[in-house]
Amino acid sequence: MSQRRQQCADKIVARFRQTLGHDLAGQISEAQFNELKSLIREAMAEEAGSVAVELQQVVETLRAGQDKPELGL
């Protein structure tokens, strides 16, 4: 999963560089672009963690509903 996040962050930063243009992108160091990639990966990881928690809650809710007998209406 982290490799997918890395590839996605690379694409985002590459696209960002393109939108800046050559002159502006040249004013930003490679270390700063790498920091941006790192921030993007961290944000993606946090979001994935939040989604996992929400999904677990849904699973628990569904399982709790299965324990109840059906009324056959």
N, C-alpha and C. Protein backbone atom coordinates (compact mmCIF):
# COMPACT_ATOMS: atom_id res chain seq x y z
N MET A 1 0.82 -1.19 0.00
CA MET A 1 0.00 0.00 0.00
C MET A 1 0.86 1.25 0.00
N SER A 2 1.96 1.24 0.73
CA SER A 2 2.79 2.44 0.80
C SER A 2 3.44 2.75 -0.55
N GLN A 3 3.70 1.73 -1.35
CA GLN A 3 4.25 1.98 -2.68
C GLN A 3 3.23 2.70 -3.55
N ARG A 4 1.96 2.34 -3.40
CA ARG A 4 0.90 3.03 -4.15
C ARG A 4 0.79 4.47 -3.71
N ARG A 5 0.92 4.72 -2.40
CA ARG A 5 0.88 6.10 -1.91
C ARG A 5 2.08 6.88 -2.44
N GLN A 6 3.25 6.22 -2.48
CA GLN A 6 4.45 6.87 -3.00
C GLN A 6 4.26 7.26 -4.46
N GLN A 7 3.73 6.34 -5.25
CA GLN A 7 3.51 6.62 -6.67
C GLN A 7 2.50 7.75 -6.85
N CYS A 8 1.47 7.74 -6.05
CA CYS A 8 0.45 8.79 -6.14
C CYS A 8 1.05 10.15 -5.75
N ALA A 9 1.82 10.18 -4.68
CA ALA A 9 2.47 11.43 -4.25
C ALA A 9 3.43 11.92 -5.32
N ASP A 10 4.16 11.01 -5.95
CA ASP A 10 5.08 11.40 -7.03
C ASP A 10 4.31 12.05 -8.18
N LYS A 11 3.18 11.47 -8.54
CA LYS A 11 2.36 12.01 -9.63
C LYS A 11 1.81 13.39 -9.27
N ILE A 12 1.36 13.54 -8.04
CA ILE A 12 0.81 14.83 -7.60
C ILE A 12 1.88 15.91 -7.66
N VAL A 13 3.06 15.61 -7.14
CA VAL A 13 4.13 16.60 -7.13
C VAL A 13 4.61 16.89 -8.55
N ALA A 14 4.67 15.89 -9.40
CA ALA A 14 5.07 16.12 -10.80
C ALA A 14 4.07 17.05 -11.48
N ARG A 15 2.80 16.80 -11.23
CA ARG A 15 1.75 17.65 -11.82
C ARG A 15 1.85 19.07 -11.26
N PHE A 16 2.13 19.18 -9.98
CA PHE A 16 2.29 20.49 -9.34
C PHE A 16 3.46 21.24 -9.97
N ARG A 17 4.56 20.55 -10.20
CA ARG A 17 5.71 21.18 -10.86
C ARG A 17 5.32 21.74 -12.23
N GLN A 18 4.53 20.96 -12.97
CA GLN A 18 4.09 21.40 -14.30
C GLN A 18 3.24 22.66 -14.20
N THR A 19 2.36 22.70 -13.21
CA THR A 19 1.51 23.88 -13.08
C THR A 19 2.30 25.12 -12.68
N LEU A 20 3.40 24.91 -11.96
CA LEU A 20 4.24 26.04 -11.57
C LEU A 20 5.00 26.63 -12.75
N GLY A 21 5.36 25.78 -13.67
CA GLY A 21 6.20 26.23 -14.77
C GLY A 21 7.67 26.13 -14.38
N HIS A 22 8.52 26.20 -15.38
CA HIS A 22 9.95 25.99 -15.19
C HIS A 22 10.56 27.02 -14.24
N ASP A 23 10.23 28.29 -14.43
CA ASP A 23 10.86 29.35 -13.61
C ASP A 23 10.51 29.23 -12.13
N LEU A 24 9.22 29.07 -11.83
CA LEU A 24 8.82 28.95 -10.43
C LEU A 24 9.29 27.64 -9.81
N ALA A 25 9.18 26.56 -10.55
CA ALA A 25 9.62 25.26 -10.03
C ALA A 25 11.11 25.29 -9.73
N GLY A 26 11.87 26.07 -10.50
CA GLY A 26 13.31 26.18 -10.26
C GLY A 26 13.65 26.89 -8.96
N GLN A 27 12.70 27.62 -8.42
CA GLN A 27 12.93 28.34 -7.15
C GLN A 27 12.65 27.47 -5.93
N ILE A 28 12.12 26.30 -6.17
CA ILE A 28 11.82 25.37 -5.07
C ILE A 28 12.85 24.24 -5.11
N SER A 29 13.44 23.99 -3.95
CA SER A 29 14.49 22.97 -3.90
C SER A 29 13.91 21.56 -3.99
N GLU A 30 14.75 20.63 -4.37
CA GLU A 30 14.34 19.22 -4.42
C GLU A 30 13.93 18.73 -3.04
N ALA A 31 14.62 19.22 -2.00
CA ALA A 31 14.27 18.85 -0.63
C ALA A 31 12.85 19.32 -0.28
N GLN A 32 12.47 20.49 -0.76
CA GLN A 32 11.12 20.99 -0.51
C GLN A 32 10.07 20.16 -1.25
N PHE A 33 10.37 19.78 -2.48
CA PHE A 33 9.45 18.91 -3.21
C PHE A 33 9.34 17.56 -2.51
N ASN A 34 10.44 17.05 -1.99
CA ASN A 34 10.41 15.78 -1.27
C ASN A 34 9.59 15.90 0.01
N GLU A 35 9.69 17.04 0.68
CA GLU A 35 8.88 17.28 1.88
C GLU A 35 7.40 17.31 1.52
N LEU A 36 7.07 17.91 0.39
CA LEU A 36 5.69 17.93 -0.08
C LEU A 36 5.19 16.50 -0.33
N LYS A 37 6.02 15.68 -0.95
CA LYS A 37 5.65 14.28 -1.17
C LYS A 37 5.39 13.58 0.16
N SER A 38 6.24 13.84 1.12
CA SER A 38 6.09 13.21 2.43
C SER A 38 4.78 13.64 3.10
N LEU A 39 4.46 14.92 3.01
CA LEU A 39 3.22 15.43 3.58
C LEU A 39 2.00 14.80 2.91
N ILE A 40 2.07 14.64 1.60
CA ILE A 40 0.98 14.01 0.86
C ILE A 40 0.80 12.56 1.30
N ARG A 41 1.92 11.82 1.41
CA ARG A 41 1.84 10.42 1.86
C ARG A 41 1.25 10.31 3.26
N GLU A 42 1.67 11.20 4.15
CA GLU A 42 1.15 11.19 5.52
C GLU A 42 -0.35 11.46 5.54
N ALA A 43 -0.79 12.43 4.75
CA ALA A 43 -2.21 12.74 4.69
C ALA A 43 -3.01 11.56 4.14
N MET A 44 -2.47 10.91 3.14
CA MET A 44 -3.14 9.75 2.56
C MET A 44 -3.22 8.62 3.58
N ALA A 45 -2.16 8.41 4.33
CA ALA A 45 -2.13 7.35 5.34
C ALA A 45 -3.15 7.64 6.45
N GLU A 46 -3.23 8.90 6.87
CA GLU A 46 -4.20 9.26 7.90
C GLU A 46 -5.63 9.03 7.40
N GLU A 47 -5.89 9.41 6.17
CA GLU A 47 -7.22 9.22 5.60
C GLU A 47 -7.55 7.73 5.49
N ALA A 48 -6.58 6.95 5.06
CA ALA A 48 -6.79 5.50 4.96
C ALA A 48 -7.10 4.91 6.33
N GLY A 49 -6.42 5.40 7.35
CA GLY A 49 -6.69 4.93 8.71
C GLY A 49 -8.10 5.28 9.16
N SER A 50 -8.54 6.48 8.83
CA SER A 50 -9.90 6.90 9.19
C SER A 50 -10.94 6.05 8.47
N VAL A 51 -10.69 5.76 7.21
CA VAL A 51 -11.61 4.93 6.44
C VAL A 51 -11.66 3.52 7.03
N ALA A 52 -10.51 3.01 7.45
CA ALA A 52 -10.47 1.67 8.03
C ALA A 52 -11.29 1.62 9.32
N VAL A 53 -11.20 2.66 10.14
CA VAL A 53 -11.98 2.70 11.38
C VAL A 53 -13.47 2.74 11.06
N GLU A 54 -13.86 3.58 10.11
CA GLU A 54 -15.27 3.67 9.72
C GLU A 54 -15.77 2.34 9.15
N LEU A 55 -14.96 1.70 8.35
CA LEU A 55 -15.34 0.41 7.78
C LEU A 55 -15.52 -0.63 8.87
N GLN A 56 -14.64 -0.63 9.84
CA GLN A 56 -14.75 -1.57 10.96
C GLN A 56 -16.06 -1.34 11.72
N GLN A 57 -16.43 -0.07 11.89
CA GLN A 57 -17.69 0.24 12.57
C GLN A 57 -18.89 -0.28 11.78
N VAL A 58 -18.85 -0.16 10.48
CA VAL A 58 -19.92 -0.67 9.63
C VAL A 58 -20.01 -2.20 9.75
N VAL A 59 -18.86 -2.85 9.71
CA VAL A 59 -18.83 -4.31 9.84
C VAL A 59 -19.43 -4.74 11.18
N GLU A 60 -19.05 -4.07 12.24
CA GLU A 60 -19.58 -4.41 13.56
C GLU A 60 -21.09 -4.19 13.63
N THR A 61 -21.57 -3.11 13.01
CA THR A 61 -23.00 -2.84 12.98
C THR A 61 -23.74 -3.93 12.21
N LEU A 62 -23.18 -4.33 11.07
CA LEU A 62 -23.80 -5.39 10.28
C LEU A 62 -23.81 -6.71 11.03
N ARG A 63 -22.72 -7.02 11.68
CA ARG A 63 -22.67 -8.28 12.44
C ARG A 63 -23.66 -8.26 13.60
N ALA A 64 -23.80 -7.13 14.24
CA ALA A 64 -24.75 -7.03 15.35
C ALA A 64 -26.17 -7.25 14.85
N GLY A 65 -26.47 -6.80 13.65
CA GLY A 65 -27.79 -6.97 13.06
C GLY A 65 -28.07 -8.41 12.68
N GLN A 66 -27.04 -9.18 12.41
CA GLN A 66 -27.22 -10.58 12.02
C GLN A 66 -27.60 -11.44 13.21
N ASP A 67 -27.27 -10.99 14.40
CA ASP A 67 -27.57 -11.77 15.59
C ASP A 67 -29.05 -11.74 15.94
N LYS A 68 -29.79 -10.82 15.36
CA LYS A 68 -31.21 -10.69 15.67
C LYS A 68 -32.01 -11.64 14.77
N PRO A 69 -32.99 -12.31 15.30
CA PRO A 69 -33.79 -13.21 14.48
C PRO A 69 -34.65 -12.43 13.48
N GLU A 70 -34.85 -13.01 12.31
CA GLU A 70 -35.69 -12.37 11.31
C GLU A 70 -37.15 -12.63 11.67
N LEU A 71 -37.97 -11.63 11.42
CA LEU A 71 -39.39 -11.75 11.73
C LEU A 71 -40.17 -12.40 10.62
N GLY A 72 -39.61 -12.45 9.42
CA GLY A 72 -40.28 -13.08 8.30
C GLY A 72 -41.49 -12.30 7.80
N LEU A 73 -41.43 -11.01 7.89
CA LEU A 73 -42.57 -10.19 7.42
C LEU A 73 -42.62 -10.09 5.95
